[in-house]
Amino acid sequence: MSQDQTSPSGPDLAQGVALADLVDGKLVGHVGDQEVLLVQTASQIFAVDAHCTHYHAPLADGLVVGDSIRCPWHHACFDLRSGEASCAPAFGSLSVWQVERQGDRVVVRSKASPPPLKRAMRSDAPRQIVIVGGGAAGFAAAEMLRRQQYDGSIVMISAEAALPVDRPNLSKDYLAGNAPEDWLPLRSEDFYHDQTIDLRMHAEVGAIDLRKQQVAVLGGDPVGFDRLLLATGAEPVRLQIPGANQPRVHTLRSLADCRAIIDAASDARRALVIGASFIGLEVAASLRARDIEVHVVAPERRPMERVLGSEMGDFVRALHEEHGVIFHLEDTVASHEGGRATLRSGKVLDVDLVIAGVGVRPRVALAEQAGLTMDRGVAVDAYLQTSAPGVYAAGDIARWPDPHSGMNIRVEHWAVAERQGQVAAMNMLGQKKAFDAVPFFWSQHYDIPINYVGHAEQWDEIAIDGSIAGKDCLLRYKLGGRVVAVASIFRDLASLEAEWQMERAIQGAA
C-alpha cells in the first residue's frame, strides 16, 4: 500500500494537448499541482483525478468500460461523468474536471461541479434499518444507504472495539510496520456523526426476533427494524492442541488482534505461523519485514495449491524461502508448551510467538437461532435476501447463487463483502438489484501482488500465459474448456479484462 505523493507528471492540461497525444484513449497530465487523467470514450472526453481513492493506484493503467474506469490494482470502479465510486473497494469519489474542445485540442483548467444525485426514495422505504456487524459488508451497506439519499434511521451494531477498518492491511503493511494506524479506519468517527449513522461499538446482539422485528442487544434495549442486514463476518478457527490458550498464541482478525501481535513481535526472535493460507503467508512476510525468523507449519504438500495450483504454489513457497521463511510442510503442530512447539513429525521448534492461521468459520449463530435457512452459511437469493422477507445477509456468512460458476457459493473475500453490502443496501430500499459481481481478491507477498478473479473450486486445465518464475503471468483456470477463474502477477490490465469478459458472458446469457 503506497500513498506517496510525487510531483505531477505529463503535460500541462491548462495549456492544452492534442487529441492525437492520447494513447489508447488515455493521457495523464496536470492542472497546477494536481494530476488529471484524460479519457476518451465512444461518447465524449472526460477528465478525472488520476489516482484511485482506495490505495492511490494509477487509473491510467486501468480499464475503460463504457463511461466508467476500473482500478488496475483492486478493481474499484468509477463513473467518469460524476466521479462516483460505483464499486468497492473504493468509496471516495474522484474529482471531475471541465473539458474544453478547441478543434483537435483539449484544454482542462478547472474542476466541474458534480451533477446532483437524484435518487428518489420509494413511498414504502423502510423507516429504520439495522445492520449487525462492523466489518466490510456492514460499513459498505451503511455508506451506500446514505449515498442513495436514504434519510431514515440506520443503526449499526458492532462487537468490535474499533471503527470499521481496512482489514486486509492488518496482515500486510500495517503488520509489517510500513503503514501508520491512521490509514486503517474506512472512515473517521466524524463520518458516522455527519451521516447520522448510529454506530454502536462494543455492542453484541444476543438474539433476533423476526416476529417482533427486533434485535436484542446484550445489556441494552431491543432495537426495532423494518429491514435487517446480517453482516456478522467470520471468526478464526481456534487451535485444538495442548497449549493453544497460552498468552503468546494469537489469531488475526481484528485490529486488537493485530496490535497484540505487533506488541508480542517487539521482543520476539522466532515466530511460528500455523497454516500456509493467504493470510498466514502474508503474516509470515510481514514478520520477516520485522527481521523475525519465521517458521511455517502446514499439512499440505505445497502452499495454496488448492486455490492456485501446483506451479503457483511452488512459486509462492520459493518466494518466501528467498526471504528466509522456513517451511515444515506435510506436518502439523501437536502441542505448544512454554514456547516450545512439538510437531507431529517429532521436530521441536523453540518460538517466542505463534500465529494460528488455520482458517475461519462464518458467524451464523444469530441466523440459526432466528430460524433462517442455512446452507453451510446463510442461504440468500440473488438479491441477498434470506428466507425471511426484509432480512438480508452479506459478506462471509452469505451463500448466494453465483451466476458465473453456476453454483451456490460462499467466499471470504474483502471486496466481495463490500460489494455485497452495497447491493444489499440498494435492495433494502426496494431497487431489486441482483448480485452478479465476479468474485475478486488480492494478496500481497513482499513486493509481489497476486490478483484472482472468478471462483474455481475445481478445474481440469490451467493455461499459463507468461512466466510464473519471471513474476509476469496470467493463469486461466478452466473446467470443460470454460474459464472459471484467473490469477495474475503484474498483469493488472489483463486481470481487469478477464473480469469484464466474465461479466459479459453472464450479460450475454441473460
Protein backbone atom coordinates (compact mmCIF):
# COMPACT_ATOMS: atom_id res chain seq x y z
CA MET A 1 0.00 0.00 0.00
CA SER A 2 1.52 3.32 -1.03
CA GLN A 3 0.17 6.81 -0.76
CA ASP A 4 3.36 8.66 -1.61
CA GLN A 5 2.68 11.93 -3.38
CA THR A 6 5.04 12.80 -6.23
CA SER A 7 5.36 15.81 -8.48
CA PRO A 8 2.66 15.90 -11.15
CA SER A 9 3.68 14.33 -14.43
CA GLY A 10 2.70 14.79 -18.04
CA PRO A 11 1.76 17.90 -19.99
CA ASP A 12 0.09 20.97 -18.55
CA LEU A 13 -3.52 20.41 -19.50
CA ALA A 14 -4.35 24.05 -18.86
CA GLN A 15 -2.19 24.78 -21.92
CA GLY A 16 -3.99 22.13 -23.93
CA VAL A 17 -2.97 18.88 -25.60
CA ALA A 18 -3.70 17.38 -28.97
CA LEU A 19 -6.22 14.57 -29.14
CA ALA A 20 -3.61 12.62 -31.07
CA ASP A 21 -1.47 12.59 -27.92
CA LEU A 22 -3.90 10.28 -26.14
CA VAL A 23 -2.59 6.70 -26.11
CA ASP A 24 -5.31 4.04 -26.16
CA GLY A 25 -7.75 6.81 -25.31
CA LYS A 26 -5.91 7.96 -22.13
CA LEU A 27 -3.41 10.62 -21.14
CA VAL A 28 -2.08 11.74 -17.74
CA GLY A 29 -1.34 15.43 -17.38
CA HIS A 30 -1.68 18.03 -14.68
CA VAL A 31 -3.55 21.17 -13.79
CA GLY A 32 -1.40 23.10 -11.36
CA ASP A 33 0.00 20.53 -8.95
CA GLN A 34 -2.84 18.02 -9.43
CA GLU A 35 -2.56 15.07 -11.77
CA VAL A 36 -5.53 14.66 -14.08
CA LEU A 37 -6.43 11.76 -16.36
CA LEU A 38 -7.99 12.40 -19.76
CA VAL A 39 -10.16 9.54 -21.03
CA GLN A 40 -11.73 9.38 -24.47
CA THR A 41 -14.72 7.05 -24.75
CA ALA A 42 -17.17 6.44 -27.53
CA SER A 43 -19.42 9.17 -26.13
CA GLN A 44 -17.06 12.00 -25.14
CA ILE A 45 -13.80 13.06 -23.47
CA PHE A 46 -13.65 13.05 -19.67
CA ALA A 47 -11.14 14.42 -17.20
CA VAL A 48 -10.90 12.99 -13.68
CA ASP A 49 -8.39 12.64 -10.86
CA ALA A 50 -5.58 10.39 -12.00
CA HIS A 51 -5.44 8.09 -8.96
CA CYS A 52 -7.82 5.65 -7.32
CA THR A 53 -9.18 6.84 -3.98
CA HIS A 54 -8.57 3.41 -2.44
CA TYR A 55 -4.78 2.84 -2.49
CA HIS A 56 -3.77 5.61 -4.94
CA ALA A 57 -3.30 3.30 -7.93
CA PRO A 58 -2.70 4.99 -11.33
CA LEU A 59 -6.01 4.88 -13.16
CA ALA A 60 -4.21 5.36 -16.47
CA ASP A 61 -3.28 1.68 -16.16
CA GLY A 62 -6.93 0.71 -15.64
CA LEU A 63 -9.70 -0.47 -17.95
CA VAL A 64 -12.32 1.77 -19.52
CA VAL A 65 -15.74 0.14 -19.79
CA GLY A 66 -18.39 2.37 -21.32
CA ASP A 67 -18.34 5.62 -19.37
CA SER A 68 -16.53 4.12 -16.39
CA ILE A 69 -12.95 3.29 -15.44
CA ARG A 70 -11.71 0.39 -13.31
CA CYS A 71 -8.72 0.49 -10.98
CA PRO A 72 -5.81 -1.75 -12.06
CA TRP A 73 -4.87 -2.86 -8.55
CA HIS A 74 -8.06 -3.82 -6.72
CA HIS A 75 -10.77 -3.42 -9.36
CA ALA A 76 -12.70 -0.49 -7.90
CA CYS A 77 -14.93 1.21 -10.47
CA PHE A 78 -15.60 4.92 -11.05
CA ASP A 79 -18.23 6.73 -13.10
CA LEU A 80 -16.40 9.09 -15.44
CA ARG A 81 -19.34 11.51 -15.60
CA SER A 82 -19.86 12.01 -11.87
CA GLY A 83 -16.61 10.65 -10.44
CA GLU A 84 -18.66 8.45 -8.11
CA ALA A 85 -17.02 5.29 -6.78
CA SER A 86 -19.63 2.90 -8.10
CA CYS A 87 -17.98 -0.31 -6.95
CA ALA A 88 -15.89 -1.16 -3.87
CA PRO A 89 -13.23 -1.31 -2.56
CA ALA A 90 -13.06 2.44 -3.27
CA PHE A 91 -15.63 4.67 -1.57
CA GLY A 92 -14.28 8.18 -2.16
CA SER A 93 -15.29 9.89 -5.40
CA LEU A 94 -12.92 11.27 -8.00
CA SER A 95 -12.96 14.95 -8.82
CA VAL A 96 -14.33 15.62 -12.29
CA TRP A 97 -12.72 18.38 -14.38
CA GLN A 98 -14.22 20.60 -17.09
CA VAL A 99 -13.10 19.67 -20.59
CA GLU A 100 -12.96 22.26 -23.36
CA ARG A 101 -12.60 21.30 -27.01
CA GLN A 102 -10.64 23.65 -29.25
CA GLY A 103 -10.62 21.94 -32.62
CA ASP A 104 -8.32 18.95 -32.29
CA ARG A 105 -7.06 20.09 -28.90
CA VAL A 106 -8.34 19.54 -25.38
CA VAL A 107 -7.96 22.04 -22.54
CA VAL A 108 -8.61 21.40 -18.85
CA ARG A 109 -8.44 24.33 -16.43
CA SER A 110 -10.78 23.78 -13.51
CA LYS A 111 -12.88 21.25 -11.66
CA ALA A 112 -16.51 20.77 -12.60
CA SER A 113 -19.38 20.74 -10.17
CA PRO A 114 -20.54 17.12 -9.95
CA PRO A 115 -24.10 16.58 -11.18
CA PRO A 116 -26.56 16.33 -8.28
CA LEU A 117 -27.59 12.82 -7.40
CA LYS A 118 -31.30 12.36 -7.99
CA ARG A 119 -32.37 9.22 -6.24
CA ALA A 120 -35.95 9.44 -5.11
CA MET A 121 -37.00 7.22 -2.23
CA ARG A 122 -39.91 4.90 -2.74
CA SER A 123 -43.01 5.66 -0.74
CA ASP A 124 -42.64 2.34 1.05
CA ALA A 125 -38.99 2.93 2.01
CA PRO A 126 -38.16 1.46 5.44
CA ARG A 127 -38.10 3.80 8.40
CA GLN A 128 -35.36 2.00 10.31
CA ILE A 129 -32.58 -0.24 9.04
CA VAL A 130 -30.42 -2.23 11.43
CA ILE A 131 -27.03 -3.59 10.40
CA VAL A 132 -25.47 -6.27 12.60
CA GLY A 133 -21.72 -6.24 12.06
CA GLY A 134 -18.96 -3.65 11.87
CA GLY A 135 -16.87 -5.11 9.08
CA ALA A 136 -16.61 -4.66 5.33
CA ALA A 137 -20.18 -5.55 4.39
CA GLY A 138 -21.78 -3.61 7.24
CA PHE A 139 -19.80 -0.45 6.56
CA ALA A 140 -20.38 -0.61 2.80
CA ALA A 141 -24.12 -1.02 3.34
CA ALA A 142 -24.39 1.95 5.69
CA GLU A 143 -22.30 4.13 3.38
CA MET A 144 -24.38 3.16 0.34
CA LEU A 145 -27.68 3.78 2.12
CA ARG A 146 -26.71 7.40 2.72
CA ARG A 147 -25.26 7.72 -0.77
CA GLN A 148 -28.63 6.57 -2.08
CA GLN A 149 -30.10 9.50 -0.15
CA TYR A 150 -31.90 7.29 2.32
CA ASP A 151 -32.93 9.58 5.18
CA GLY A 152 -34.32 7.02 7.60
CA SER A 153 -32.65 5.65 10.71
CA ILE A 154 -29.53 3.48 10.40
CA VAL A 155 -28.35 1.59 13.46
CA MET A 156 -25.07 -0.28 13.03
CA ILE A 157 -24.25 -2.69 15.84
CA SER A 158 -20.63 -3.81 16.08
CA ALA A 159 -18.99 -6.06 18.65
CA GLU A 160 -15.64 -4.53 17.70
CA ALA A 161 -13.81 -2.02 19.89
CA ALA A 162 -12.65 -0.03 16.86
CA LEU A 163 -14.31 1.76 13.97
CA PRO A 164 -14.67 -0.35 10.81
CA VAL A 165 -11.14 -0.78 9.48
CA ASP A 166 -9.36 -1.77 6.30
CA ARG A 167 -8.89 -5.37 7.44
CA PRO A 168 -6.64 -6.58 4.56
CA ASN A 169 -3.98 -4.16 5.79
CA LEU A 170 -3.87 -5.90 9.16
CA SER A 171 -1.91 -8.79 7.64
CA LYS A 172 0.03 -6.62 5.17
CA ASP A 173 1.66 -3.20 5.54
CA TYR A 174 0.33 -2.28 8.97
CA LEU A 175 1.53 -5.54 10.50
CA ALA A 176 4.86 -5.14 8.68
CA GLY A 177 5.28 -1.68 10.20
CA ASN A 178 5.04 0.13 6.86
CA ALA A 179 1.67 1.83 7.34
CA PRO A 180 0.51 4.19 10.12
CA GLU A 181 -2.58 3.31 12.10
CA ASP A 182 -4.47 6.34 10.82
CA TRP A 183 -4.64 4.65 7.41
CA LEU A 184 -6.76 1.85 8.83
CA PRO A 185 -10.25 3.28 9.52
CA LEU A 186 -12.50 3.06 6.48
CA ARG A 187 -13.95 6.37 7.64
CA SER A 188 -13.31 8.62 10.61
CA GLU A 189 -15.65 8.93 13.56
CA ASP A 190 -16.90 12.22 12.09
CA PHE A 191 -18.28 10.35 9.07
CA TYR A 192 -20.76 8.39 11.17
CA HIS A 193 -21.77 11.53 13.04
CA ASP A 194 -22.16 13.62 9.89
CA GLN A 195 -24.13 10.88 8.12
CA THR A 196 -26.30 10.25 11.22
CA ILE A 197 -25.31 6.60 11.33
CA ASP A 198 -25.85 5.31 14.85
CA LEU A 199 -22.71 3.19 15.20
CA ARG A 200 -22.77 1.25 18.45
CA MET A 201 -19.40 -0.32 19.20
CA HIS A 202 -18.64 -2.80 21.98
CA ALA A 203 -22.22 -4.00 21.43
CA GLU A 204 -23.32 -7.59 20.92
CA VAL A 205 -26.62 -8.83 19.57
CA GLY A 206 -27.94 -11.72 21.61
CA ALA A 207 -30.93 -12.73 19.52
CA ILE A 208 -33.18 -11.75 16.62
CA ASP A 209 -36.97 -11.80 16.94
CA LEU A 210 -38.33 -11.94 13.41
CA ARG A 211 -41.96 -11.77 14.52
CA LYS A 212 -41.45 -8.59 16.53
CA GLN A 213 -38.81 -7.30 14.09
CA GLN A 214 -36.37 -6.61 16.89
CA VAL A 215 -32.78 -7.41 17.75
CA ALA A 216 -31.89 -7.95 21.38
CA VAL A 217 -28.69 -6.13 22.38
CA LEU A 218 -26.92 -7.59 25.38
CA GLY A 219 -27.04 -5.10 28.24
CA GLY A 220 -29.28 -2.70 26.30
CA ASP A 221 -32.78 -2.11 24.99
CA PRO A 222 -34.04 -4.06 21.97
CA VAL A 223 -33.77 -2.29 18.63
CA GLY A 224 -36.61 -2.48 16.14
CA PHE A 225 -36.13 -2.75 12.40
CA ASP A 226 -38.04 -2.56 9.16
CA ARG A 227 -35.10 -4.06 7.28
CA LEU A 228 -32.22 -6.03 8.76
CA LEU A 229 -28.79 -6.81 7.35
CA LEU A 230 -26.75 -9.59 8.92
CA ALA A 231 -23.07 -8.93 8.26
CA THR A 232 -21.55 -10.78 11.19
CA GLY A 233 -18.48 -11.96 9.27
CA ALA A 234 -16.29 -14.84 10.33
CA GLU A 235 -14.14 -15.78 13.29
CA PRO A 236 -10.78 -17.56 13.34
CA VAL A 237 -10.73 -21.29 13.90
CA ARG A 238 -9.06 -21.92 17.26
CA LEU A 239 -6.31 -24.47 17.65
CA GLN A 240 -7.34 -27.67 19.41
CA ILE A 241 -3.96 -28.64 20.81
CA PRO A 242 -2.34 -28.54 24.25
CA GLY A 243 -1.03 -25.05 24.90
CA ALA A 244 -3.32 -23.33 22.40
CA ASN A 245 -4.51 -20.87 25.06
CA GLN A 246 -1.09 -19.65 26.12
CA PRO A 247 -0.55 -15.85 26.03
CA ARG A 248 1.78 -15.78 23.04
CA VAL A 249 -0.52 -17.81 20.78
CA HIS A 250 -2.50 -15.44 18.56
CA THR A 251 -5.06 -15.36 15.80
CA LEU A 252 -5.51 -12.41 13.44
CA ARG A 253 -8.90 -10.96 12.65
CA SER A 254 -9.41 -7.62 14.39
CA LEU A 255 -7.34 -4.51 14.93
CA ALA A 256 -6.96 -5.57 18.56
CA ASP A 257 -5.54 -8.92 17.37
CA CYS A 258 -3.06 -7.12 15.12
CA ARG A 259 -1.95 -4.76 17.88
CA ALA A 260 -1.37 -7.73 20.17
CA ILE A 261 0.81 -9.45 17.55
CA ILE A 262 2.80 -6.27 16.96
CA ASP A 263 3.34 -5.90 20.69
CA ALA A 264 4.47 -9.53 21.01
CA ALA A 265 6.72 -9.15 17.96
CA SER A 266 8.62 -6.27 19.57
CA ASP A 267 10.88 -8.64 21.51
CA ALA A 268 10.40 -11.85 19.51
CA ARG A 269 13.29 -13.51 17.67
CA ARG A 270 11.48 -16.51 16.20
CA ALA A 271 7.84 -16.90 15.19
CA LEU A 272 5.72 -19.87 14.20
CA VAL A 273 2.90 -19.42 11.71
CA ILE A 274 0.50 -22.34 11.68
CA GLY A 275 -1.17 -22.59 8.28
CA ALA A 276 0.05 -21.71 4.77
CA SER A 277 -3.06 -19.82 3.71
CA PHE A 278 -3.02 -16.39 2.10
CA ILE A 279 -3.39 -14.73 5.49
CA GLY A 280 -0.79 -16.99 7.10
CA LEU A 281 1.80 -16.26 4.45
CA GLU A 282 1.04 -12.53 4.44
CA VAL A 283 1.67 -12.63 8.18
CA ALA A 284 4.92 -14.51 7.55
CA ALA A 285 6.04 -11.82 5.08
CA SER A 286 5.12 -9.04 7.50
CA LEU A 287 7.06 -10.65 10.34
CA ARG A 288 10.09 -11.11 8.09
CA ALA A 289 9.90 -7.35 7.44
CA ARG A 290 10.43 -7.01 11.20
CA ASP A 291 13.54 -9.24 10.99
CA ILE A 292 11.90 -12.09 12.89
CA GLU A 293 12.81 -15.66 11.95
CA VAL A 294 9.63 -17.29 10.67
CA HIS A 295 8.69 -20.97 10.52
CA VAL A 296 5.52 -22.05 8.70
CA VAL A 297 3.88 -25.38 9.54
CA ALA A 298 1.07 -26.68 7.32
CA PRO A 299 -0.37 -30.09 6.40
CA GLU A 300 -0.42 -29.57 2.63
CA ARG A 301 2.38 -30.54 0.26
CA ARG A 302 2.73 -27.01 -1.13
CA PRO A 303 1.21 -23.72 -0.03
CA MET A 304 -2.06 -22.58 -1.60
CA GLU A 305 -2.12 -25.43 -4.10
CA ARG A 306 -5.85 -25.96 -3.59
CA VAL A 307 -6.62 -22.42 -4.78
CA LEU A 308 -3.78 -21.63 -7.19
CA GLY A 309 -2.48 -24.98 -8.42
CA SER A 310 0.89 -26.67 -8.09
CA GLU A 311 3.11 -24.36 -10.17
CA MET A 312 1.90 -21.20 -8.46
CA GLY A 313 2.13 -22.97 -5.11
CA ASP A 314 5.77 -23.85 -5.78
CA PHE A 315 6.43 -20.24 -6.78
CA VAL A 316 4.89 -18.88 -3.58
CA ARG A 317 6.97 -21.27 -1.48
CA ALA A 318 10.18 -20.33 -3.30
CA LEU A 319 9.37 -16.62 -2.96
CA HIS A 320 9.01 -16.91 0.80
CA GLU A 321 12.11 -19.08 1.09
CA GLU A 322 14.08 -16.41 -0.78
CA HIS A 323 13.07 -14.07 2.04
CA GLY A 324 14.14 -16.51 4.74
CA VAL A 325 10.89 -18.27 5.67
CA ILE A 326 11.40 -21.89 6.76
CA PHE A 327 8.63 -24.31 5.78
CA HIS A 328 7.59 -27.50 7.55
CA LEU A 329 5.01 -28.88 5.11
CA GLU A 330 3.01 -32.10 5.35
CA ASP A 331 3.22 -31.63 9.10
CA THR A 332 1.12 -30.22 11.94
CA VAL A 333 1.66 -28.84 15.42
CA ALA A 334 0.87 -31.40 18.11
CA SER A 335 1.41 -29.17 21.14
CA HIS A 336 2.82 -25.88 22.32
CA GLU A 337 4.13 -25.62 25.84
CA GLY A 338 6.31 -22.90 27.33
CA GLY A 339 7.49 -21.56 23.98
CA ARG A 340 8.26 -24.99 22.58
CA ALA A 341 6.19 -26.30 19.66
CA THR A 342 6.27 -30.03 19.01
CA LEU A 343 5.29 -31.19 15.52
CA ARG A 344 3.66 -34.47 14.61
CA SER A 345 6.86 -35.43 12.83
CA GLY A 346 8.74 -35.12 16.10
CA LYS A 347 10.50 -31.87 15.27
CA VAL A 348 10.70 -29.36 18.10
CA LEU A 349 10.72 -25.59 17.49
CA ASP A 350 11.57 -23.07 20.18
CA VAL A 351 9.49 -19.98 19.35
CA ASP A 352 8.61 -16.67 21.01
CA LEU A 353 5.41 -16.02 19.07
CA VAL A 354 2.74 -18.22 17.47
CA ILE A 355 0.11 -17.09 14.97
CA ALA A 356 -2.56 -19.60 14.04
CA GLY A 357 -3.92 -19.11 10.55
CA VAL A 358 -5.85 -22.32 10.09
CA GLY A 359 -8.98 -20.78 8.62
CA VAL A 360 -12.14 -19.04 9.72
CA ARG A 361 -15.74 -20.08 10.21
CA PRO A 362 -18.78 -17.92 9.49
CA ARG A 363 -20.56 -16.40 12.48
CA VAL A 364 -24.02 -17.83 11.85
CA ALA A 365 -25.35 -18.43 15.37
CA LEU A 366 -27.75 -15.48 15.23
CA ALA A 367 -29.12 -16.57 11.87
CA GLU A 368 -29.55 -20.15 13.05
CA GLN A 369 -31.29 -19.03 16.25
CA ALA A 370 -33.66 -16.87 14.20
CA GLY A 371 -34.65 -19.88 12.09
CA LEU A 372 -33.22 -18.66 8.80
CA THR A 373 -32.48 -21.23 6.12
CA MET A 374 -28.86 -22.36 6.30
CA ASP A 375 -26.57 -23.85 3.65
CA ARG A 376 -23.04 -24.01 5.09
CA GLY A 377 -23.64 -20.35 5.75
CA VAL A 378 -26.77 -18.22 5.48
CA ALA A 379 -28.70 -19.04 2.31
CA VAL A 380 -29.67 -15.94 0.31
CA ASP A 381 -31.26 -15.38 -3.08
CA ALA A 382 -29.81 -13.41 -5.98
CA TYR A 383 -30.81 -10.20 -4.19
CA LEU A 384 -29.06 -11.27 -0.95
CA GLN A 385 -32.36 -11.69 0.87
CA THR A 386 -32.57 -14.55 3.35
CA SER A 387 -35.52 -16.89 3.78
CA ALA A 388 -37.16 -14.18 5.93
CA PRO A 389 -38.63 -11.24 3.98
CA GLY A 390 -36.85 -7.98 4.74
CA VAL A 391 -33.82 -9.73 6.25
CA TYR A 392 -30.63 -9.74 4.20
CA ALA A 393 -27.16 -11.23 4.64
CA ALA A 394 -23.85 -10.17 3.14
CA GLY A 395 -20.17 -10.93 3.44
CA ASP A 396 -18.50 -14.01 4.87
CA ILE A 397 -21.74 -15.59 6.10
CA ALA A 398 -23.74 -15.36 2.86
CA ARG A 399 -24.06 -18.26 0.41
CA TRP A 400 -25.51 -16.91 -2.82
CA PRO A 401 -26.34 -18.22 -6.31
CA ASP A 402 -23.26 -17.19 -8.30
CA PRO A 403 -24.18 -16.78 -11.98
CA HIS A 404 -20.56 -17.15 -13.10
CA SER A 405 -19.86 -20.57 -11.61
CA GLY A 406 -23.48 -21.73 -11.69
CA MET A 407 -23.16 -22.81 -8.05
CA ASN A 408 -24.26 -21.54 -4.68
CA ILE A 409 -21.03 -20.25 -3.18
CA ARG A 410 -19.75 -18.55 -0.06
CA VAL A 411 -16.41 -16.75 -0.18
CA GLU A 412 -14.38 -14.84 2.38
CA HIS A 413 -13.08 -12.03 0.18
CA TRP A 414 -12.93 -8.43 1.34
CA ALA A 415 -14.04 -6.81 -1.93
CA VAL A 416 -16.90 -9.29 -2.29
CA ALA A 417 -18.16 -8.45 1.21
CA GLU A 418 -18.09 -4.73 0.45
CA ARG A 419 -19.84 -5.15 -2.88
CA GLN A 420 -22.49 -7.36 -1.31
CA GLY A 421 -23.05 -4.74 1.37
CA GLN A 422 -23.61 -2.14 -1.33
CA VAL A 423 -26.08 -4.31 -3.24
CA ALA A 424 -27.92 -5.34 -0.08
CA ALA A 425 -28.32 -1.65 0.80
CA MET A 426 -29.92 -0.90 -2.56
CA ASN A 427 -32.21 -3.90 -2.27
CA MET A 428 -33.31 -2.92 1.23
CA LEU A 429 -34.50 0.27 -0.46
CA GLY A 430 -36.52 -1.75 -2.97
CA GLN A 431 -34.25 -1.49 -6.01
CA LYS A 432 -34.24 -5.24 -6.82
CA LYS A 433 -30.61 -5.43 -7.94
CA ALA A 434 -29.15 -8.91 -8.39
CA PHE A 435 -25.67 -9.50 -7.01
CA ASP A 436 -23.73 -10.65 -10.05
CA ALA A 437 -20.24 -9.27 -9.41
CA VAL A 438 -17.35 -11.56 -10.29
CA PRO A 439 -15.59 -12.63 -7.07
CA PHE A 440 -12.23 -10.89 -6.67
CA PHE A 441 -9.43 -10.86 -4.13
CA TRP A 442 -5.82 -9.77 -3.93
CA SER A 443 -2.91 -10.95 -1.86
CA GLN A 444 0.48 -9.33 -1.25
CA HIS A 445 3.71 -11.24 -0.59
CA TYR A 446 6.67 -8.89 -0.14
CA ASP A 447 6.63 -6.84 -3.35
CA ILE A 448 4.64 -9.41 -5.32
CA PRO A 449 0.86 -8.94 -5.73
CA ILE A 450 -1.39 -11.84 -6.71
CA ASN A 451 -4.81 -10.93 -8.13
CA TYR A 452 -7.57 -13.50 -8.53
CA VAL A 453 -10.93 -13.15 -10.27
CA GLY A 454 -13.66 -15.76 -10.53
CA HIS A 455 -14.28 -18.85 -8.42
CA ALA A 456 -12.77 -22.25 -9.18
CA GLU A 457 -13.49 -25.00 -6.68
CA GLN A 458 -12.13 -27.38 -9.29
CA TRP A 459 -10.54 -27.24 -12.73
CA ASP A 460 -9.20 -29.65 -15.31
CA GLU A 461 -6.70 -27.32 -17.01
CA ILE A 462 -4.50 -24.35 -16.12
CA ALA A 463 -3.38 -22.33 -19.14
CA ILE A 464 -0.33 -20.20 -18.29
CA ASP A 465 0.50 -17.08 -20.25
CA GLY A 466 3.91 -15.61 -19.42
CA SER A 467 6.31 -16.77 -16.74
CA ILE A 468 5.40 -17.54 -13.14
CA ALA A 469 9.08 -17.63 -12.14
CA GLY A 470 9.60 -14.38 -14.03
CA LYS A 471 6.80 -12.77 -11.97
CA ASP A 472 4.85 -11.81 -15.08
CA CYS A 473 1.99 -14.17 -15.76
CA LEU A 474 -1.71 -14.81 -16.20
CA LEU A 475 -3.17 -18.22 -15.28
CA ARG A 476 -6.55 -19.26 -16.64
CA TYR A 477 -8.29 -21.99 -14.64
CA LYS A 478 -10.58 -23.92 -16.95
CA LEU A 479 -13.28 -26.50 -16.44
CA GLY A 480 -14.66 -28.19 -19.52
CA GLY A 481 -12.95 -25.61 -21.70
CA ARG A 482 -14.57 -22.63 -19.92
CA VAL A 483 -12.51 -20.13 -17.94
CA VAL A 484 -13.82 -20.15 -14.36
CA ALA A 485 -11.07 -18.12 -12.69
CA VAL A 486 -7.92 -16.15 -13.49
CA ALA A 487 -4.86 -15.47 -11.31
CA SER A 488 -2.17 -13.00 -12.26
CA ILE A 489 1.11 -11.40 -11.23
CA PHE A 490 1.81 -7.93 -12.65
CA ARG A 491 -0.83 -8.41 -15.35
CA ASP A 492 -3.25 -5.84 -13.98
CA LEU A 493 -4.95 -4.87 -17.22
CA ALA A 494 -5.32 -8.50 -18.30
CA SER A 495 -6.89 -9.29 -14.92
CA LEU A 496 -9.43 -6.49 -15.41
CA GLU A 497 -10.15 -7.68 -18.94
CA ALA A 498 -10.73 -11.23 -17.70
CA GLU A 499 -13.17 -9.93 -15.10
CA TRP A 500 -15.03 -7.92 -17.74
CA GLN A 501 -15.17 -10.94 -20.06
CA MET A 502 -16.78 -13.00 -17.28
CA GLU A 503 -19.33 -10.25 -16.70
CA ARG A 504 -20.14 -10.03 -20.41
CA ALA A 505 -20.61 -13.79 -20.59
CA ILE A 506 -23.35 -13.54 -17.96
CA GLN A 507 -24.91 -10.50 -19.61
CA GLY A 508 -24.98 -12.35 -22.91
CA ALA A 509 -26.64 -15.35 -21.30
CA ALA A 510 -29.29 -13.24 -19.57
